[in-house]
Amino acid sequence: MKNYALMLTGGLMIAAAVAGGAVAQESDEPREIKVTPAHKEFIQRIHELDLSQIQLGRLAEQRVQKASTLVMAVKIIQAHTSIEALIGKLTAKELIALPAELSTDHVTLASKLNGASEKEFDYNYINAVIPEQQKTIEQCEAALKNEPSQDYLTLINAALPLLRDNLKSAQDALKTVNSAQGFKFPDNTPHP
């Protein structure tokens, strides 16, 4: 399973580098950017969700039982790493302070997942990912309505397809886990 994860990670890194090349061609020349409190709050929320998804994905790489869940975890790590690179460029221009640590809720979630049994890990991980992806998509869509600057628009337009693909991958992985013999839970129902 680990060799498969390394091959998959390598392939996704190449794809992310190619896709990132289109974004990297933009000018990085300094320009005046008006930063509103809403912009700062949006970036800080997305940053924390990215850190959480990367941390949970790395945990999943070590614990998952199903190949479909591993594929999903690697895609999520790659997507949120790409989004973080864009956030890094944006915050460097705008001098936005980002939280260095996860919130208590995200730390608690990671701890619960780490304590899950092997049989339950995939299900619990996927059900942790789905609402986080949905929340991030909703936040990006809401930010679009606030007439974002070009930098924010670039970030959102790059992030949304990745997030939607992650959500679909998670929903597909949940169906696979739910249909596994002897381990069936209703879609998106938290498991105790």
C-alpha atoms as a PDB file:
ATOM      1  CA  MET A   1       0.000   0.000   0.000  1.00  0.00           C
ATOM      2  CA  LYS A   2       2.875   2.390   0.804  1.00  0.00           C
ATOM      3  CA  ASN A   3       4.557   1.867  -2.612  1.00  0.00           C
ATOM      4  CA  TYR A   4       1.236   2.630  -4.237  1.00  0.00           C
ATOM      5  CA  ALA A   5       0.958   5.783  -2.100  1.00  0.00           C
ATOM      6  CA  LEU A   6       4.440   6.924  -3.133  1.00  0.00           C
ATOM      7  CA  MET A   7       3.708   6.371  -6.843  1.00  0.00           C
ATOM      8  CA  LEU A   8       0.377   8.152  -6.522  1.00  0.00           C
ATOM      9  CA  THR A   9       1.916  11.038  -4.577  1.00  0.00           C
ATOM     10  CA  GLY A  10       4.656  11.429  -7.202  1.00  0.00           C
ATOM     11  CA  GLY A  11       2.152  11.480 -10.057  1.00  0.00           C
ATOM     12  CA  LEU A  12      -0.047  14.014  -8.321  1.00  0.00           C
ATOM     13  CA  MET A  13       2.965  16.195  -7.506  1.00  0.00           C
ATOM     14  CA  ILE A  14       3.879  16.288 -11.201  1.00  0.00           C
ATOM     15  CA  ALA A  15       0.284  17.141 -12.124  1.00  0.00           C
ATOM     16  CA  ALA A  16       0.174  19.862  -9.461  1.00  0.00           C
ATOM     17  CA  ALA A  17       3.475  21.309 -10.711  1.00  0.00           C
ATOM     18  CA  VAL A  18       2.174  21.431 -14.272  1.00  0.00           C
ATOM     19  CA  ALA A  19      -1.127  22.969 -13.167  1.00  0.00           C
ATOM     20  CA  GLY A  20       0.701  25.350 -10.852  1.00  0.00           C
ATOM     21  CA  GLY A  21       2.862  26.555 -13.738  1.00  0.00           C
ATOM     22  CA  ALA A  22      -0.120  28.355 -15.229  1.00  0.00           C
ATOM     23  CA  VAL A  23      -0.726  30.173 -11.949  1.00  0.00           C
ATOM     24  CA  ALA A  24       2.976  30.912 -11.410  1.00  0.00           C
ATOM     25  CA  GLN A  25       3.197  32.830 -14.685  1.00  0.00           C
ATOM     26  CA  GLU A  26       1.344  35.761 -13.153  1.00  0.00           C
ATOM     27  CA  SER A  27       3.372  38.817 -12.302  1.00  0.00           C
ATOM     28  CA  ASP A  28       4.668  38.950  -8.750  1.00  0.00           C
ATOM     29  CA  GLU A  29       5.478  42.643  -9.001  1.00  0.00           C
ATOM     30  CA  PRO A  30       4.457  44.566  -5.896  1.00  0.00           C
ATOM     31  CA  ARG A  31       1.235  46.495  -6.240  1.00  0.00           C
ATOM     32  CA  GLU A  32      -1.096  48.172  -3.836  1.00  0.00           C
ATOM     33  CA  ILE A  33      -3.794  45.826  -2.601  1.00  0.00           C
ATOM     34  CA  LYS A  34      -6.663  46.910  -0.405  1.00  0.00           C
ATOM     35  CA  VAL A  35      -7.066  44.320   2.342  1.00  0.00           C
ATOM     36  CA  THR A  36     -10.363  44.318   4.167  1.00  0.00           C
ATOM     37  CA  PRO A  37     -11.051  42.555   7.469  1.00  0.00           C
ATOM     38  CA  ALA A  38     -13.274  40.144   5.499  1.00  0.00           C
ATOM     39  CA  HIS A  39     -10.320  39.296   3.219  1.00  0.00           C
ATOM     40  CA  LYS A  40      -8.088  38.598   6.213  1.00  0.00           C
ATOM     41  CA  GLU A  41     -10.704  36.454   7.924  1.00  0.00           C
ATOM     42  CA  PHE A  42     -11.320  34.469   4.729  1.00  0.00           C
ATOM     43  CA  ILE A  43      -7.610  33.757   4.218  1.00  0.00           C
ATOM     44  CA  GLN A  44      -7.134  32.779   7.861  1.00  0.00           C
ATOM     45  CA  ARG A  45     -10.110  30.363   7.758  1.00  0.00           C
ATOM     46  CA  ILE A  46      -8.993  28.769   4.505  1.00  0.00           C
ATOM     47  CA  HIS A  47      -5.436  28.479   5.837  1.00  0.00           C
ATOM     48  CA  GLU A  48      -6.595  26.647   8.957  1.00  0.00           C
ATOM     49  CA  LEU A  49      -8.794  24.302   6.916  1.00  0.00           C
ATOM     50  CA  ASP A  50      -5.824  23.620   4.627  1.00  0.00           C
ATOM     51  CA  LEU A  51      -3.563  22.781   7.564  1.00  0.00           C
ATOM     52  CA  SER A  52      -6.214  20.508   9.040  1.00  0.00           C
ATOM     53  CA  GLN A  53      -6.853  18.676   5.776  1.00  0.00           C
ATOM     54  CA  ILE A  54      -3.122  18.204   5.175  1.00  0.00           C
ATOM     55  CA  GLN A  55      -2.609  16.862   8.698  1.00  0.00           C
ATOM     56  CA  LEU A  56      -5.599  14.501   8.460  1.00  0.00           C
ATOM     57  CA  GLY A  57      -4.486  13.364   5.001  1.00  0.00           C
ATOM     58  CA  ARG A  58      -1.033  12.500   6.307  1.00  0.00           C
ATOM     59  CA  LEU A  59      -2.588  10.529   9.139  1.00  0.00           C
ATOM     60  CA  ALA A  60      -4.798   8.750   6.599  1.00  0.00           C
ATOM     61  CA  GLU A  61      -1.781   7.821   4.472  1.00  0.00           C
ATOM     62  CA  GLN A  62      -0.572   5.763   7.432  1.00  0.00           C
ATOM     63  CA  ARG A  63      -3.905   4.301   8.568  1.00  0.00           C
ATOM     64  CA  VAL A  64      -6.296   3.753   5.638  1.00  0.00           C
ATOM     65  CA  GLN A  65      -7.449   0.268   4.705  1.00  0.00           C
ATOM     66  CA  LYS A  66      -9.041   0.930   1.298  1.00  0.00           C
ATOM     67  CA  ALA A  67      -7.145   2.023  -1.821  1.00  0.00           C
ATOM     68  CA  SER A  68      -9.951   4.459  -2.718  1.00  0.00           C
ATOM     69  CA  THR A  69      -9.500   6.214   0.621  1.00  0.00           C
ATOM     70  CA  LEU A  70      -5.741   6.408   0.093  1.00  0.00           C
ATOM     71  CA  VAL A  71      -6.231   7.941  -3.366  1.00  0.00           C
ATOM     72  CA  MET A  72      -8.601  10.488  -1.824  1.00  0.00           C
ATOM     73  CA  ALA A  73      -6.172  11.329   1.014  1.00  0.00           C
ATOM     74  CA  VAL A  74      -3.262  11.908  -1.380  1.00  0.00           C
ATOM     75  CA  LYS A  75      -5.420  14.120  -3.632  1.00  0.00           C
ATOM     76  CA  ILE A  76      -6.522  16.147  -0.617  1.00  0.00           C
ATOM     77  CA  ILE A  77      -2.952  16.646   0.576  1.00  0.00           C
ATOM     78  CA  GLN A  78      -1.869  17.776  -2.886  1.00  0.00           C
ATOM     79  CA  ALA A  79      -4.845  20.094  -3.375  1.00  0.00           C
ATOM     80  CA  HIS A  80      -4.515  21.785  -0.006  1.00  0.00           C
ATOM     81  CA  THR A  81      -0.740  22.078  -0.404  1.00  0.00           C
ATOM     82  CA  SER A  82      -1.329  23.852  -3.738  1.00  0.00           C
ATOM     83  CA  ILE A  83      -3.886  26.161  -2.148  1.00  0.00           C
ATOM     84  CA  GLU A  84      -1.437  26.913   0.677  1.00  0.00           C
ATOM     85  CA  ALA A  85       1.211  27.918  -1.873  1.00  0.00           C
ATOM     86  CA  LEU A  86      -1.210  30.467  -3.333  1.00  0.00           C
ATOM     87  CA  ILE A  87      -2.130  31.679   0.144  1.00  0.00           C
ATOM     88  CA  GLY A  88       1.574  32.063   0.938  1.00  0.00           C
ATOM     89  CA  LYS A  89       2.073  34.339  -2.071  1.00  0.00           C
ATOM     90  CA  LEU A  90      -1.016  36.363  -1.203  1.00  0.00           C
ATOM     91  CA  THR A  91      -0.175  36.778   2.484  1.00  0.00           C
ATOM     92  CA  ALA A  92       3.405  37.775   1.665  1.00  0.00           C
ATOM     93  CA  LYS A  93       2.058  40.635  -0.469  1.00  0.00           C
ATOM     94  CA  GLU A  94      -0.537  41.670   2.076  1.00  0.00           C
ATOM     95  CA  LEU A  95       1.292  40.912   5.317  1.00  0.00           C
ATOM     96  CA  ILE A  96      -1.575  38.863   6.742  1.00  0.00           C
ATOM     97  CA  ALA A  97      -0.695  36.934   9.900  1.00  0.00           C
ATOM     98  CA  LEU A  98      -1.742  33.302   9.681  1.00  0.00           C
ATOM     99  CA  PRO A  99      -2.377  30.986  12.615  1.00  0.00           C
ATOM    100  CA  ALA A 100       0.546  28.639  13.169  1.00  0.00           C
ATOM    101  CA  GLU A 101      -1.499  26.013  14.991  1.00  0.00           C
ATOM    102  CA  LEU A 102      -4.811  24.295  14.464  1.00  0.00           C
ATOM    103  CA  SER A 103      -7.899  25.249  16.417  1.00  0.00           C
ATOM    104  CA  THR A 104      -8.957  23.114  19.365  1.00  0.00           C
ATOM    105  CA  ASP A 105     -11.752  21.609  17.233  1.00  0.00           C
ATOM    106  CA  HIS A 106      -9.311  20.456  14.554  1.00  0.00           C
ATOM    107  CA  VAL A 107      -6.857  19.084  17.130  1.00  0.00           C
ATOM    108  CA  THR A 108      -9.706  17.158  18.790  1.00  0.00           C
ATOM    109  CA  LEU A 109     -10.824  15.772  15.430  1.00  0.00           C
ATOM    110  CA  ALA A 110      -7.291  14.588  14.606  1.00  0.00           C
ATOM    111  CA  SER A 111      -7.029  12.951  18.019  1.00  0.00           C
ATOM    112  CA  LYS A 112     -10.349  11.128  17.561  1.00  0.00           C
ATOM    113  CA  LEU A 113      -9.305   9.884  14.148  1.00  0.00           C
ATOM    114  CA  ASN A 114      -5.953   8.748  15.466  1.00  0.00           C
ATOM    115  CA  GLY A 115      -7.754   6.718  18.132  1.00  0.00           C
ATOM    116  CA  ALA A 116     -10.190   5.046  15.692  1.00  0.00           C
ATOM    117  CA  SER A 117      -9.926   1.318  15.129  1.00  0.00           C
ATOM    118  CA  GLU A 118      -8.507   0.060  11.823  1.00  0.00           C
ATOM    119  CA  LYS A 119     -11.967  -1.053  10.750  1.00  0.00           C
ATOM    120  CA  GLU A 120     -13.526   2.338  11.472  1.00  0.00           C
ATOM    121  CA  PHE A 121     -10.707   4.646  10.381  1.00  0.00           C
ATOM    122  CA  ASP A 122     -11.601   4.975   6.676  1.00  0.00           C
ATOM    123  CA  TYR A 123     -15.243   5.684   7.438  1.00  0.00           C
ATOM    124  CA  ASN A 124     -14.461   8.213  10.168  1.00  0.00           C
ATOM    125  CA  TYR A 125     -11.766   9.922   8.086  1.00  0.00           C
ATOM    126  CA  ILE A 126     -14.028  10.302   5.061  1.00  0.00           C
ATOM    127  CA  ASN A 127     -16.841  11.637   7.228  1.00  0.00           C
ATOM    128  CA  ALA A 128     -14.436  14.190   8.688  1.00  0.00           C
ATOM    129  CA  VAL A 129     -13.282  15.273   5.218  1.00  0.00           C
ATOM    130  CA  ILE A 130     -16.687  15.725   3.560  1.00  0.00           C
ATOM    131  CA  PRO A 131     -18.013  18.556   5.783  1.00  0.00           C
ATOM    132  CA  GLU A 132     -14.636  20.328   5.746  1.00  0.00           C
ATOM    133  CA  GLN A 133     -14.532  20.277   1.942  1.00  0.00           C
ATOM    134  CA  GLN A 134     -18.158  21.457   1.794  1.00  0.00           C
ATOM    135  CA  LYS A 135     -17.435  24.266   4.272  1.00  0.00           C
ATOM    136  CA  THR A 136     -14.389  25.428   2.315  1.00  0.00           C
ATOM    137  CA  ILE A 137     -16.343  25.400  -0.963  1.00  0.00           C
ATOM    138  CA  GLU A 138     -19.111  27.444   0.655  1.00  0.00           C
ATOM    139  CA  GLN A 139     -16.593  29.949   2.019  1.00  0.00           C
ATOM    140  CA  CYS A 140     -14.949  30.350  -1.393  1.00  0.00           C
ATOM    141  CA  GLU A 141     -18.316  30.813  -3.101  1.00  0.00           C
ATOM    142  CA  ALA A 142     -19.352  33.378  -0.480  1.00  0.00           C
ATOM    143  CA  ALA A 143     -16.052  35.238  -0.955  1.00  0.00           C
ATOM    144  CA  LEU A 144     -16.783  35.495  -4.694  1.00  0.00           C
ATOM    145  CA  LYS A 145     -19.892  37.509  -3.851  1.00  0.00           C
ATOM    146  CA  ASN A 146     -17.792  40.070  -1.926  1.00  0.00           C
ATOM    147  CA  GLU A 147     -16.108  41.404  -5.081  1.00  0.00           C
ATOM    148  CA  PRO A 148     -12.652  40.022  -4.342  1.00  0.00           C
ATOM    149  CA  SER A 149      -9.488  41.635  -5.642  1.00  0.00           C
ATOM    150  CA  GLN A 150      -7.723  39.931  -8.550  1.00  0.00           C
ATOM    151  CA  ASP A 151      -5.389  38.118  -6.148  1.00  0.00           C
ATOM    152  CA  TYR A 152      -8.293  36.682  -4.182  1.00  0.00           C
ATOM    153  CA  LEU A 153     -10.130  35.827  -7.377  1.00  0.00           C
ATOM    154  CA  THR A 154      -7.068  33.924  -8.611  1.00  0.00           C
ATOM    155  CA  LEU A 155      -6.900  32.001  -5.335  1.00  0.00           C
ATOM    156  CA  ILE A 156     -10.607  31.175  -5.311  1.00  0.00           C
ATOM    157  CA  ASN A 157     -10.704  30.185  -8.979  1.00  0.00           C
ATOM    158  CA  ALA A 158      -7.720  27.877  -8.461  1.00  0.00           C
ATOM    159  CA  ALA A 159      -9.103  26.401  -5.230  1.00  0.00           C
ATOM    160  CA  LEU A 160     -12.724  25.713  -6.160  1.00  0.00           C
ATOM    161  CA  PRO A 161     -12.118  23.015  -8.810  1.00  0.00           C
ATOM    162  CA  LEU A 162      -9.658  21.251  -6.488  1.00  0.00           C
ATOM    163  CA  LEU A 163     -12.086  21.382  -3.581  1.00  0.00           C
ATOM    164  CA  ARG A 164     -15.012  20.156  -5.670  1.00  0.00           C
ATOM    165  CA  ASP A 165     -12.897  17.279  -6.974  1.00  0.00           C
ATOM    166  CA  ASN A 166     -11.867  16.432  -3.387  1.00  0.00           C
ATOM    167  CA  LEU A 167     -15.502  16.432  -2.305  1.00  0.00           C
ATOM    168  CA  LYS A 168     -16.487  14.098  -5.140  1.00  0.00           C
ATOM    169  CA  SER A 169     -13.552  11.791  -4.352  1.00  0.00           C
ATOM    170  CA  ALA A 170     -14.584  11.695  -0.695  1.00  0.00           C
ATOM    171  CA  GLN A 171     -18.208  10.954  -1.578  1.00  0.00           C
ATOM    172  CA  ASP A 172     -17.097   8.165  -3.937  1.00  0.00           C
ATOM    173  CA  ALA A 173     -14.732   6.740  -1.315  1.00  0.00           C
ATOM    174  CA  LEU A 174     -17.569   6.785   1.231  1.00  0.00           C
ATOM    175  CA  LYS A 175     -19.719   4.702  -1.132  1.00  0.00           C
ATOM    176  CA  THR A 176     -16.862   2.194  -1.459  1.00  0.00           C
ATOM    177  CA  VAL A 177     -16.419   1.984   2.306  1.00  0.00           C
ATOM    178  CA  ASN A 178     -20.165   1.742   2.883  1.00  0.00           C
ATOM    179  CA  SER A 179     -20.485  -1.126   0.428  1.00  0.00           C
ATOM    180  CA  ALA A 180     -17.613  -3.103   1.967  1.00  0.00           C
ATOM    181  CA  GLN A 181     -18.791  -6.393   3.370  1.00  0.00           C
ATOM    182  CA  GLY A 182     -19.444  -6.263   7.090  1.00  0.00           C
ATOM    183  CA  PHE A 183     -18.976  -2.518   7.375  1.00  0.00           C
ATOM    184  CA  LYS A 184     -21.989  -0.553   6.253  1.00  0.00           C
ATOM    185  CA  PHE A 185     -23.082   2.811   7.553  1.00  0.00           C
ATOM    186  CA  PRO A 186     -25.507   5.288   6.005  1.00  0.00           C
ATOM    187  CA  ASP A 187     -23.920   8.034   3.881  1.00  0.00           C
ATOM    188  CA  ASN A 188     -22.645  10.997   5.913  1.00  0.00           C
ATOM    189  CA  THR A 189     -23.886   9.672   9.239  1.00  0.00           C
ATOM    190  CA  PRO A 190     -21.339  10.197  11.998  1.00  0.00           C
ATOM    191  CA  HIS A 191     -20.181   6.945  13.545  1.00  0.00           C
ATOM    192  CA  PRO A 192     -19.781   6.868  17.303  1.00  0.00           C
END
